[in-house]
């Protein structure tokens, strides 16, 4: 049985979209259900974040083009700790700068 605290926390975690609670298993608490619904290999929401983030990036690129009225194509570059995760959306990123590139000494000599 899900208690009121778990209901409130689940509502926050899933953005108020009660549909996502269809996969809730009452035998488990919030952390275990989140793991099952979001992070497991066969989780129903496993790709939800990636798809949502990719859509937000497309919207930002479109808005940038409209605001600046540029005729050039925006070049999407990520500055990231470990690099861009390769998935079906990663082709949106034209270049990346990793932590190693930021902190690797450059010798001139």
Protein backbone atom coordinates (compact mmCIF):
# COMPACT_ATOMS: atom_id res chain seq x y z
CA UNK A 1 0.00 0.00 0.00
CA UNK A 2 1.35 3.41 -0.95
CA UNK A 3 1.29 6.00 1.83
CA UNK A 4 0.53 9.73 1.50
CA UNK A 5 4.20 10.72 1.65
CA UNK A 6 5.08 8.35 -1.22
CA UNK A 7 2.11 9.67 -3.22
CA UNK A 8 3.32 13.26 -2.82
CA UNK A 9 6.91 12.36 -3.66
CA UNK A 10 5.88 10.23 -6.64
CA UNK A 11 3.74 13.10 -7.90
CA UNK A 12 6.83 15.37 -7.77
CA UNK A 13 9.17 12.80 -9.33
CA UNK A 14 6.85 12.06 -12.23
CA UNK A 15 5.93 15.68 -12.87
CA UNK A 16 2.34 15.31 -11.79
CA UNK A 17 1.61 12.86 -14.62
CA UNK A 18 -0.42 10.16 -12.94
CA UNK A 19 -0.23 7.93 -16.03
CA UNK A 20 3.32 7.06 -15.02
CA UNK A 21 1.99 5.51 -11.83
CA UNK A 22 0.30 2.73 -13.83
CA UNK A 23 3.54 0.78 -13.47
CA UNK A 24 3.67 1.31 -9.69
CA UNK A 25 4.14 -1.89 -7.71
CA UNK A 26 2.59 -1.61 -4.23
CA UNK A 27 5.00 -4.20 -2.85
CA UNK A 28 7.83 -1.69 -3.12
CA UNK A 29 8.54 1.80 -1.81
CA UNK A 30 9.25 4.93 -3.82
CA UNK A 31 13.00 4.34 -4.43
CA UNK A 32 12.47 0.79 -5.69
CA UNK A 33 9.56 1.84 -7.93
CA UNK A 34 11.55 4.75 -9.35
CA UNK A 35 14.36 2.35 -10.15
CA UNK A 36 11.98 -0.08 -11.85
CA UNK A 37 10.04 2.59 -13.79
CA UNK A 38 12.91 4.87 -14.81
CA UNK A 39 16.32 3.21 -14.62
CA UNK A 40 16.12 -0.53 -15.33
CA UNK A 41 17.04 -1.71 -18.83
CA UNK A 42 13.42 -2.50 -19.69
CA UNK A 43 11.93 0.43 -17.74
CA UNK A 44 8.93 2.09 -19.41
CA UNK A 45 10.40 5.57 -18.90
CA UNK A 46 14.05 4.74 -19.60
CA UNK A 47 14.25 6.94 -22.71
CA UNK A 48 11.84 9.61 -21.50
CA UNK A 49 14.54 12.00 -20.24
CA UNK A 50 16.67 11.64 -23.36
CA UNK A 51 13.71 12.26 -25.66
CA UNK A 52 12.48 15.21 -23.61
CA UNK A 53 15.96 16.77 -23.43
CA UNK A 54 16.49 16.33 -27.17
CA UNK A 55 13.18 18.06 -27.86
CA UNK A 56 14.16 20.96 -25.59
CA UNK A 57 17.48 21.31 -27.46
CA UNK A 58 15.69 21.35 -30.82
CA UNK A 59 13.35 24.07 -29.50
CA UNK A 60 16.32 26.13 -28.26
CA UNK A 61 18.09 25.88 -31.60
CA UNK A 62 14.92 26.93 -33.40
CA UNK A 63 14.35 29.84 -31.00
CA UNK A 64 17.98 30.96 -31.39
CA UNK A 65 17.59 31.02 -35.16
CA UNK A 66 14.37 33.01 -34.92
CA UNK A 67 15.70 35.53 -32.40
CA UNK A 68 18.99 36.20 -34.15
CA UNK A 69 17.54 35.90 -37.67
CA UNK A 70 20.77 34.21 -38.62
CA UNK A 71 21.15 32.53 -41.98
CA UNK A 72 23.82 30.27 -40.51
CA UNK A 73 23.16 26.87 -39.00
CA UNK A 74 23.69 26.81 -35.21
CA UNK A 75 26.50 24.51 -34.09
CA UNK A 76 25.59 22.60 -30.92
CA UNK A 77 28.59 22.06 -28.64
CA UNK A 78 28.40 20.37 -25.24
CA UNK A 79 30.82 21.16 -22.42
CA UNK A 80 30.58 18.02 -20.33
CA UNK A 81 32.42 16.07 -17.68
CA UNK A 82 32.74 12.72 -19.46
CA UNK A 83 31.47 13.30 -22.98
CA UNK A 84 28.14 12.96 -24.71
CA UNK A 85 26.40 9.63 -24.22
CA UNK A 86 25.94 7.93 -27.57
CA UNK A 87 22.27 7.26 -28.25
CA UNK A 88 19.69 7.97 -30.92
CA UNK A 89 19.78 11.71 -30.13
CA UNK A 90 23.54 12.25 -29.86
CA UNK A 91 23.85 13.07 -33.56
CA UNK A 92 22.40 16.51 -32.68
CA UNK A 93 25.71 17.42 -31.04
CA UNK A 94 28.37 18.55 -33.52
CA UNK A 95 31.21 18.81 -30.98
CA UNK A 96 32.01 18.37 -27.32
CA UNK A 97 34.56 19.63 -24.84
CA UNK A 98 35.33 17.28 -21.95
CA UNK A 99 36.82 17.81 -18.55
CA UNK A 100 40.15 16.44 -19.76
CA UNK A 101 40.38 19.13 -22.42
CA UNK A 102 39.72 21.84 -19.85
CA UNK A 103 42.37 20.71 -17.39
CA UNK A 104 45.07 19.14 -19.55
CA UNK A 105 48.20 21.28 -19.46
CA UNK A 106 49.26 22.72 -22.78
CA UNK A 107 53.01 22.86 -23.18
CA UNK A 108 54.52 25.40 -25.45
CA UNK A 109 57.99 25.01 -26.22
